[in-house]
N, C-alpha and C. Protein backbone atom coordinates (compact mmCIF):
# COMPACT_ATOMS: atom_id res chain seq x y z
N MET A 1 -69.60 -63.54 153.28
CA MET A 1 -69.38 -65.30 152.93
C MET A 1 -69.21 -66.07 154.16
N ILE A 2 -69.69 -67.13 154.28
CA ILE A 2 -69.50 -68.12 155.28
C ILE A 2 -68.46 -69.21 154.70
N LYS A 3 -67.04 -69.47 155.57
CA LYS A 3 -66.84 -70.59 154.54
C LYS A 3 -67.68 -71.91 155.10
N PRO A 4 -67.66 -72.90 154.05
CA PRO A 4 -68.12 -74.23 154.03
C PRO A 4 -67.68 -74.81 155.65
N GLU A 5 -66.75 -75.09 156.06
CA GLU A 5 -66.28 -75.61 157.08
C GLU A 5 -66.77 -75.23 158.28
N ASP A 6 -66.96 -73.85 158.30
CA ASP A 6 -67.56 -73.21 159.26
C ASP A 6 -69.26 -73.39 159.59
N LEU A 7 -69.80 -74.05 158.80
CA LEU A 7 -71.05 -74.22 158.82
C LEU A 7 -71.44 -75.98 159.26
N ARG A 8 -72.73 -76.55 159.87
CA ARG A 8 -72.99 -77.40 159.99
C ARG A 8 -74.47 -77.47 159.65
N ARG A 9 -74.97 -78.86 159.49
CA ARG A 9 -76.56 -79.04 158.89
C ARG A 9 -77.44 -78.43 160.39
N GLY A 10 -78.17 -77.42 159.81
CA GLY A 10 -79.09 -76.88 160.89
C GLY A 10 -79.17 -75.58 161.33
N ASN A 11 -77.68 -74.86 160.88
CA ASN A 11 -77.40 -73.81 161.08
C ASN A 11 -78.00 -72.52 160.30
N LEU A 12 -78.55 -71.31 161.27
CA LEU A 12 -79.15 -70.48 160.49
C LEU A 12 -78.62 -69.60 159.87
N VAL A 13 -78.92 -69.33 158.82
CA VAL A 13 -78.31 -68.47 157.75
C VAL A 13 -79.01 -67.01 156.91
N ARG A 14 -78.20 -66.27 156.50
CA ARG A 14 -78.98 -65.69 155.41
C ARG A 14 -78.58 -65.32 154.08
N VAL A 15 -79.32 -65.00 153.21
CA VAL A 15 -78.71 -65.02 151.97
C VAL A 15 -78.52 -63.74 151.45
N ASN A 16 -77.19 -63.55 150.95
CA ASN A 16 -77.02 -61.63 150.74
C ASN A 16 -76.95 -61.47 148.98
N HIS A 17 -77.32 -62.21 148.36
CA HIS A 17 -77.41 -62.02 146.75
C HIS A 17 -78.52 -62.81 146.17
N ASP A 18 -79.15 -62.20 145.37
CA ASP A 18 -80.12 -62.88 144.47
C ASP A 18 -80.07 -63.85 144.32
N CYS A 19 -80.66 -65.07 144.31
CA CYS A 19 -80.16 -66.25 143.45
C CYS A 19 -81.26 -67.12 143.64
N MET A 20 -81.56 -68.34 144.07
CA MET A 20 -82.59 -69.11 144.08
C MET A 20 -83.38 -68.50 145.44
N PHE A 21 -83.14 -67.56 146.12
CA PHE A 21 -83.55 -67.29 147.17
C PHE A 21 -83.48 -65.42 147.10
N PRO A 22 -84.56 -64.67 147.33
CA PRO A 22 -84.19 -63.33 147.16
C PRO A 22 -83.53 -62.88 148.45
N LYS A 23 -82.66 -61.57 148.18
CA LYS A 23 -81.41 -61.54 149.02
C LYS A 23 -82.47 -61.15 150.19
N GLY A 24 -81.91 -61.75 151.61
CA GLY A 24 -82.31 -61.25 152.82
C GLY A 24 -82.87 -62.45 153.52
N THR A 25 -83.42 -63.48 152.61
CA THR A 25 -83.97 -64.87 153.01
C THR A 25 -83.04 -65.37 154.40
N MET A 26 -83.74 -65.62 155.30
CA MET A 26 -83.35 -66.76 156.32
C MET A 26 -83.39 -68.01 156.03
N CYS A 27 -82.32 -68.95 155.94
CA CYS A 27 -82.27 -70.28 155.84
C CYS A 27 -81.58 -71.14 156.44
N VAL A 28 -82.25 -72.24 156.89
CA VAL A 28 -81.62 -73.58 157.29
C VAL A 28 -80.87 -74.29 156.68
N VAL A 29 -79.58 -74.24 157.00
CA VAL A 29 -78.51 -75.20 155.96
C VAL A 29 -78.98 -76.79 156.10
N THR A 30 -78.84 -77.33 154.69
CA THR A 30 -79.43 -78.51 154.98
C THR A 30 -78.35 -79.85 154.39
N ASP A 31 -77.61 -79.02 153.81
CA ASP A 31 -76.47 -80.09 153.47
C ASP A 31 -75.38 -79.21 153.03
N ILE A 32 -74.25 -79.31 152.78
CA ILE A 32 -72.82 -78.94 152.76
C ILE A 32 -72.10 -79.51 151.81
N ASN A 33 -71.45 -78.98 150.60
CA ASN A 33 -70.71 -79.40 149.84
C ASN A 33 -69.08 -78.44 149.92
N PRO A 34 -68.24 -78.53 150.25
CA PRO A 34 -67.21 -77.96 150.02
C PRO A 34 -66.22 -78.08 148.85
N LEU A 35 -66.43 -79.09 148.45
CA LEU A 35 -65.87 -79.34 147.14
C LEU A 35 -66.14 -78.76 145.73
N LYS A 36 -67.42 -78.69 145.83
CA LYS A 36 -67.68 -77.90 144.54
C LYS A 36 -67.01 -76.42 144.78
N VAL A 37 -66.26 -75.96 143.65
CA VAL A 37 -65.66 -74.55 143.77
C VAL A 37 -65.85 -73.87 142.23
N PHE A 38 -66.09 -72.67 142.18
CA PHE A 38 -66.15 -72.39 140.33
C PHE A 38 -65.39 -70.85 140.73
N ASP A 39 -64.65 -70.90 139.95
CA ASP A 39 -63.51 -69.30 140.22
C ASP A 39 -63.19 -68.98 141.67
N ASP A 40 -64.48 -67.79 141.89
CA ASP A 40 -63.93 -67.37 143.11
C ASP A 40 -65.07 -67.89 144.37
N LYS A 41 -65.76 -69.05 143.68
CA LYS A 41 -66.68 -69.22 144.68
C LYS A 41 -66.56 -70.51 145.62
N LYS A 42 -66.45 -70.48 146.78
CA LYS A 42 -65.71 -71.73 147.39
C LYS A 42 -67.06 -72.75 148.11
N GLY A 43 -67.56 -73.80 147.66
CA GLY A 43 -68.58 -74.26 147.80
C GLY A 43 -69.60 -74.07 147.87
N VAL A 44 -70.59 -75.28 148.15
CA VAL A 44 -71.87 -75.00 148.09
C VAL A 44 -72.69 -75.45 148.90
N VAL A 45 -73.71 -74.61 149.80
CA VAL A 45 -74.47 -75.43 150.86
C VAL A 45 -76.05 -75.43 150.29
N THR A 46 -76.63 -76.60 150.63
CA THR A 46 -77.92 -76.59 150.05
C THR A 46 -78.88 -75.60 151.45
N LEU A 47 -79.97 -74.73 151.21
CA LEU A 47 -80.74 -74.28 152.11
C LEU A 47 -82.17 -74.31 152.02
N TYR A 48 -82.72 -74.00 152.85
CA TYR A 48 -84.46 -74.24 152.96
C TYR A 48 -84.82 -73.03 153.92
N ALA A 49 -85.31 -72.38 153.10
CA ALA A 49 -85.98 -71.03 153.55
C ALA A 49 -86.77 -71.28 154.83
N ILE A 50 -86.62 -70.48 155.90
CA ILE A 50 -87.39 -70.75 157.19
C ILE A 50 -88.54 -70.48 156.98
N ASN A 51 -89.15 -69.52 156.03
CA ASN A 51 -90.86 -69.11 155.62
C ASN A 51 -91.27 -69.85 155.25
N ASP A 52 -90.84 -71.13 154.75
CA ASP A 52 -91.54 -72.30 153.82
C ASP A 52 -92.23 -71.86 152.65
N GLU A 53 -91.81 -70.24 151.73
CA GLU A 53 -92.41 -70.04 150.81
C GLU A 53 -91.82 -70.52 149.95
N ASP A 54 -91.02 -71.35 149.62
CA ASP A 54 -90.20 -71.97 148.27
C ASP A 54 -90.36 -73.52 148.42
N ASP A 55 -90.03 -74.01 147.19
CA ASP A 55 -90.29 -75.22 147.06
C ASP A 55 -88.93 -76.11 147.48
N GLY A 56 -87.69 -75.04 147.94
CA GLY A 56 -87.00 -75.92 148.22
C GLY A 56 -86.83 -77.32 148.56
N PRO A 57 -85.37 -77.43 149.02
CA PRO A 57 -84.64 -76.86 148.94
C PRO A 57 -83.48 -76.75 147.94
N TRP A 58 -82.81 -75.81 148.12
CA TRP A 58 -81.80 -75.44 146.62
C TRP A 58 -80.02 -75.07 147.26
N GLY A 59 -79.56 -75.29 146.11
CA GLY A 59 -78.40 -74.94 146.22
C GLY A 59 -77.75 -73.77 146.17
N VAL A 60 -76.83 -73.10 147.37
CA VAL A 60 -76.28 -71.83 147.03
C VAL A 60 -74.88 -71.73 147.04
N TRP A 61 -74.24 -70.95 146.40
CA TRP A 61 -72.66 -70.50 146.73
C TRP A 61 -72.21 -70.09 147.77
N CYS A 62 -71.83 -70.58 148.61
CA CYS A 62 -71.20 -70.23 150.24
C CYS A 62 -71.12 -68.16 150.41
N ASN A 63 -70.40 -68.20 148.50
CA ASN A 63 -70.47 -66.88 148.95
C ASN A 63 -71.75 -65.80 148.94
N TYR A 64 -72.79 -66.73 148.86
CA TYR A 64 -73.96 -65.89 149.02
C TYR A 64 -74.97 -65.62 149.73
N VAL A 65 -73.78 -66.28 151.13
CA VAL A 65 -74.62 -66.74 152.34
C VAL A 65 -74.03 -65.95 153.39
N GLU A 66 -74.54 -65.53 154.44
CA GLU A 66 -73.67 -64.86 155.52
C GLU A 66 -74.65 -65.25 157.13
N GLY A 67 -73.82 -64.55 157.80
CA GLY A 67 -74.45 -64.66 159.61
C GLY A 67 -75.53 -63.90 159.55
N ILE A 68 -76.06 -64.28 160.51
CA ILE A 68 -77.35 -63.52 161.01
C ILE A 68 -76.74 -63.10 162.63
N SER A 69 -76.81 -62.01 162.60
CA SER A 69 -76.27 -61.23 163.93
C SER A 69 -76.80 -61.48 165.05
N VAL A 70 -76.06 -61.69 166.08
CA VAL A 70 -77.13 -62.67 167.62
C VAL A 70 -77.12 -61.08 168.18
N THR A 71 -78.73 -61.03 168.30
CA THR A 71 -79.43 -59.95 169.26
C THR A 71 -79.97 -60.29 170.16
N PRO A 72 -80.13 -59.15 171.19
CA PRO A 72 -80.88 -59.44 172.60
C PRO A 72 -82.47 -60.24 172.13
N GLU A 73 -82.75 -59.91 171.21
CA GLU A 73 -84.25 -60.33 171.07
C GLU A 73 -84.22 -62.04 170.51
N ILE A 74 -82.92 -62.45 169.70
CA ILE A 74 -83.09 -63.71 169.48
C ILE A 74 -82.65 -64.63 170.46
N LEU A 75 -81.44 -63.83 171.71
CA LEU A 75 -81.20 -64.51 173.07
C LEU A 75 -82.46 -64.70 173.88
N ASN A 76 -83.32 -63.89 173.73
CA ASN A 76 -84.43 -63.49 174.30
C ASN A 76 -85.69 -64.89 173.87
N LYS A 77 -85.87 -65.01 173.04
CA LYS A 77 -86.78 -65.74 172.01
C LYS A 77 -86.13 -67.22 172.63
N ASN A 78 -84.85 -67.43 172.68
CA ASN A 78 -84.48 -69.02 172.58
C ASN A 78 -83.94 -69.31 174.43
N GLY A 79 -84.84 -68.89 175.59
CA GLY A 79 -84.77 -68.86 176.56
C GLY A 79 -83.51 -68.24 177.23
N PHE A 80 -82.50 -67.15 176.96
CA PHE A 80 -81.82 -66.52 177.90
C PHE A 80 -82.66 -65.66 178.71
N LYS A 81 -82.10 -65.39 179.65
CA LYS A 81 -82.48 -64.54 181.04
C LYS A 81 -81.93 -63.32 180.71
N GLU A 82 -82.39 -62.40 180.60
CA GLU A 82 -81.39 -60.64 180.32
C GLU A 82 -81.32 -60.51 181.90
N GLU A 83 -80.09 -60.13 182.54
CA GLU A 83 -79.48 -60.10 183.66
C GLU A 83 -79.36 -58.52 183.42
N VAL A 84 -78.59 -58.17 182.53
CA VAL A 84 -78.12 -56.73 182.01
C VAL A 84 -78.53 -56.25 180.76
N VAL A 85 -79.88 -55.61 180.73
CA VAL A 85 -80.12 -55.22 179.87
C VAL A 85 -79.41 -54.84 178.54
N GLY A 86 -79.44 -55.53 177.36
CA GLY A 86 -78.90 -55.61 176.13
C GLY A 86 -77.59 -55.73 176.03
N GLU A 87 -77.08 -56.31 177.42
CA GLU A 87 -75.55 -56.57 177.45
C GLU A 87 -75.32 -58.26 178.10
N TYR A 88 -75.82 -58.64 179.07
CA TYR A 88 -75.50 -59.73 179.87
C TYR A 88 -76.86 -60.58 180.08
N TYR A 89 -77.08 -62.07 179.21
CA TYR A 89 -77.67 -63.12 179.57
C TYR A 89 -77.54 -64.67 179.67
N THR A 90 -78.37 -64.98 180.65
CA THR A 90 -77.94 -66.45 181.12
C THR A 90 -79.20 -67.68 180.93
N LYS A 91 -78.51 -68.66 180.66
CA LYS A 91 -79.63 -69.77 180.53
C LYS A 91 -78.82 -70.90 181.50
N PRO A 92 -79.87 -71.62 182.41
CA PRO A 92 -79.62 -72.52 182.87
C PRO A 92 -79.08 -74.02 182.01
N LEU A 93 -77.98 -74.65 182.52
CA LEU A 93 -77.44 -76.17 182.46
C LEU A 93 -77.93 -77.24 183.05
N ASP A 94 -77.73 -76.58 184.14
CA ASP A 94 -78.34 -77.80 185.11
C ASP A 94 -79.67 -77.48 185.78
N ASN A 95 -79.95 -78.48 186.67
CA ASN A 95 -80.93 -78.10 187.37
C ASN A 95 -80.53 -77.07 188.45
N GLU A 96 -80.95 -75.85 188.68
CA GLU A 96 -80.58 -74.85 189.39
C GLU A 96 -80.85 -74.69 190.74
N GLU A 97 -81.17 -76.30 191.30
CA GLU A 97 -81.23 -76.24 192.50
C GLU A 97 -79.68 -76.91 192.92
N TYR A 98 -79.00 -77.36 192.47
CA TYR A 98 -77.87 -77.97 192.72
C TYR A 98 -76.94 -76.62 193.30
N SER A 99 -76.15 -76.82 193.83
CA SER A 99 -75.36 -76.08 194.32
C SER A 99 -74.00 -75.61 193.88
N LEU A 100 -73.63 -76.66 193.01
CA LEU A 100 -72.69 -76.84 191.55
C LEU A 100 -73.21 -76.43 190.31
N ALA A 101 -74.56 -76.01 189.82
CA ALA A 101 -75.48 -75.84 188.74
C ALA A 101 -74.42 -75.11 187.82
N ARG A 102 -74.36 -75.29 186.88
CA ARG A 102 -73.89 -74.24 185.60
C ARG A 102 -74.96 -73.82 185.16
N PHE A 103 -74.48 -72.46 184.02
CA PHE A 103 -75.24 -71.98 183.42
C PHE A 103 -74.50 -71.41 182.22
N LEU A 104 -75.05 -70.80 180.71
CA LEU A 104 -74.38 -70.43 180.00
C LEU A 104 -74.67 -68.75 180.08
N ALA A 105 -73.78 -68.07 179.92
CA ALA A 105 -73.70 -66.69 179.72
C ALA A 105 -73.08 -66.22 178.59
N VAL A 106 -74.04 -65.55 178.12
CA VAL A 106 -73.53 -64.66 176.87
C VAL A 106 -73.41 -63.22 177.27
N GLU A 107 -72.23 -62.78 176.91
CA GLU A 107 -72.09 -60.99 177.49
C GLU A 107 -71.88 -60.21 176.17
N ARG A 108 -72.18 -59.26 175.97
CA ARG A 108 -71.94 -58.27 174.87
C ARG A 108 -70.73 -57.52 175.12
N LYS A 109 -69.52 -57.65 174.29
CA LYS A 109 -68.55 -57.19 174.43
C LYS A 109 -68.40 -55.76 173.31
N SER A 110 -67.16 -55.22 172.82
CA SER A 110 -67.31 -54.36 171.81
C SER A 110 -67.90 -54.28 170.36
N CYS A 111 -67.37 -55.48 170.03
CA CYS A 111 -68.24 -55.73 168.76
C CYS A 111 -68.75 -57.05 168.26
N ASN A 112 -69.01 -57.73 169.58
CA ASN A 112 -69.19 -59.35 169.44
C ASN A 112 -69.55 -59.75 170.53
N TRP A 113 -69.92 -60.94 170.65
CA TRP A 113 -70.40 -61.47 172.19
C TRP A 113 -69.48 -62.34 172.63
N ALA A 114 -69.24 -62.84 173.97
CA ALA A 114 -68.36 -63.68 174.71
C ALA A 114 -69.29 -64.64 175.18
N VAL A 115 -69.02 -66.06 174.79
CA VAL A 115 -69.91 -67.24 175.74
C VAL A 115 -69.20 -67.65 176.87
N PHE A 116 -69.83 -67.92 177.92
CA PHE A 116 -69.17 -68.40 178.84
C PHE A 116 -69.48 -69.72 179.96
N ILE A 117 -69.50 -70.31 180.12
CA ILE A 117 -69.92 -71.48 181.51
C ILE A 117 -69.35 -70.76 182.62
N LYS A 118 -70.23 -70.67 183.54
CA LYS A 118 -70.01 -69.97 184.81
C LYS A 118 -71.17 -71.25 185.76
N TYR A 119 -70.78 -70.98 187.24
CA TYR A 119 -71.26 -71.74 188.05
C TYR A 119 -71.83 -70.83 189.18
N CYS A 120 -73.11 -71.52 189.56
CA CYS A 120 -73.79 -70.41 190.37
C CYS A 120 -73.41 -69.86 191.70
N SER A 121 -72.63 -70.89 192.43
CA SER A 121 -72.08 -70.58 193.51
C SER A 121 -70.57 -70.39 193.68
N LEU A 122 -70.11 -70.27 192.50
CA LEU A 122 -68.61 -70.11 192.43
C LEU A 122 -68.14 -69.01 191.44
N PRO A 123 -66.94 -68.39 192.07
CA PRO A 123 -66.56 -66.74 190.92
C PRO A 123 -66.35 -67.40 189.73
N ASP A 124 -65.98 -68.47 189.37
CA ASP A 124 -64.90 -69.58 188.40
C ASP A 124 -66.16 -69.29 187.06
N HIS A 125 -65.25 -69.22 186.19
CA HIS A 125 -66.04 -69.23 184.34
C HIS A 125 -65.09 -69.61 183.80
N VAL A 126 -65.29 -69.83 182.54
CA VAL A 126 -64.73 -70.60 181.38
C VAL A 126 -64.98 -70.00 180.12
N LEU A 127 -64.25 -69.43 179.20
CA LEU A 127 -64.83 -68.62 178.28
C LEU A 127 -64.60 -69.71 177.08
N LEU A 128 -66.01 -69.86 176.20
CA LEU A 128 -66.21 -70.43 175.13
C LEU A 128 -65.67 -70.39 173.83
N ARG A 129 -66.02 -69.09 173.55
CA ARG A 129 -65.76 -68.45 172.48
C ARG A 129 -66.30 -67.11 172.37
N HIS A 130 -65.48 -66.27 171.39
CA HIS A 130 -66.34 -64.99 171.00
C HIS A 130 -67.10 -65.53 169.63
N ILE A 131 -68.53 -64.88 169.65
CA ILE A 131 -69.23 -64.72 168.27
C ILE A 131 -70.03 -63.59 168.29
N GLN A 132 -70.48 -63.83 167.09
CA GLN A 132 -70.88 -62.68 166.35
C GLN A 132 -72.19 -62.95 165.56
N TYR A 133 -72.28 -64.18 165.43
CA TYR A 133 -73.47 -64.86 164.15
C TYR A 133 -74.30 -65.79 165.07
N VAL A 134 -75.39 -66.20 164.93
CA VAL A 134 -76.48 -67.19 165.17
C VAL A 134 -75.78 -68.64 165.04
N HIS A 135 -74.98 -68.69 163.88
CA HIS A 135 -74.53 -70.17 163.85
C HIS A 135 -73.40 -70.53 164.28
N GLU A 136 -72.89 -69.65 164.64
CA GLU A 136 -71.45 -69.64 165.49
C GLU A 136 -72.13 -69.93 167.19
N LEU A 137 -73.31 -69.40 167.54
CA LEU A 137 -73.82 -69.76 169.17
C LEU A 137 -74.07 -71.41 168.74
N GLN A 138 -74.82 -71.63 167.63
CA GLN A 138 -75.43 -72.53 167.56
C GLN A 138 -74.20 -73.99 167.19
N ASN A 139 -73.01 -73.80 166.76
CA ASN A 139 -72.03 -74.62 166.71
C ASN A 139 -71.65 -74.65 167.94
N THR A 140 -71.60 -73.28 168.90
CA THR A 140 -70.81 -73.34 170.25
C THR A 140 -71.85 -74.61 170.97
N LEU A 141 -73.17 -74.55 170.98
CA LEU A 141 -74.07 -75.30 171.95
C LEU A 141 -74.21 -76.66 171.12
N TRP A 142 -73.58 -76.70 170.24
CA TRP A 142 -74.02 -77.92 170.04
C TRP A 142 -72.72 -78.64 169.81
N GLY A 143 -71.35 -78.18 169.46
CA GLY A 143 -69.85 -78.70 169.56
C GLY A 143 -69.41 -79.20 170.79
N VAL A 144 -69.70 -77.53 171.90
CA VAL A 144 -68.71 -77.52 172.91
C VAL A 144 -69.61 -78.64 174.12
N LEU A 145 -71.03 -78.29 174.04
CA LEU A 145 -71.67 -78.60 175.08
C LEU A 145 -72.53 -79.85 174.51
N GLY A 146 -72.77 -80.31 173.53
CA GLY A 146 -73.59 -81.31 173.15
C GLY A 146 -74.94 -81.10 173.03
N PHE A 147 -75.66 -79.66 173.31
CA PHE A 147 -76.79 -79.54 173.28
C PHE A 147 -77.52 -79.61 171.94
N ASP A 148 -78.83 -79.44 172.19
CA ASP A 148 -79.55 -79.04 170.60
C ASP A 148 -79.49 -77.50 170.39
N ALA A 149 -79.39 -77.50 169.17
CA ALA A 149 -78.83 -76.07 168.72
C ALA A 149 -80.02 -75.43 168.05
N LYS A 150 -80.86 -76.03 168.01
CA LYS A 150 -82.07 -75.48 167.04
C LYS A 150 -82.88 -74.31 167.74
N LEU A 151 -82.30 -73.10 167.33
CA LEU A 151 -82.88 -71.98 167.55
C LEU A 151 -84.12 -71.49 166.69
N LYS A 152 -84.42 -70.28 167.42
CA LYS A 152 -85.89 -69.59 166.63
C LYS A 152 -84.99 -68.15 166.43
N LEU A 153 -86.06 -67.68 165.13
CA LEU A 153 -85.42 -66.47 164.91
C LEU A 153 -86.49 -65.35 165.42
């Protein structure tokens, strides 16, 4: 389950329970309503299937939504350059010709990933956050850096 307050429009998630979508369907969040509650169900999100095989969007309880794990394949599909196989990925944030050009670094840790901002010519770096799921990477790109957070699966 993902809490409604941890989601934003455009996040990529997976349905973990048969409901309006078959279990395992990858979806995009189109709306969030944290006020709709029923017993143990904490809020509703409106989802649209990525594969466009439905006539949605449909409302789904947040209890039936889970994150999509960040994988090397997802990072590669979204313009991250593999620096160390399966462990360390980078993506430029500025024109790489500048001496103080910044880049985003995503590094595998024991059970999650760490997202950093680093400089090309300096050893300094800033840890933005630890993530495990695609929607967390999207929220970091959008909320912290102000970048377009539309990722491909």
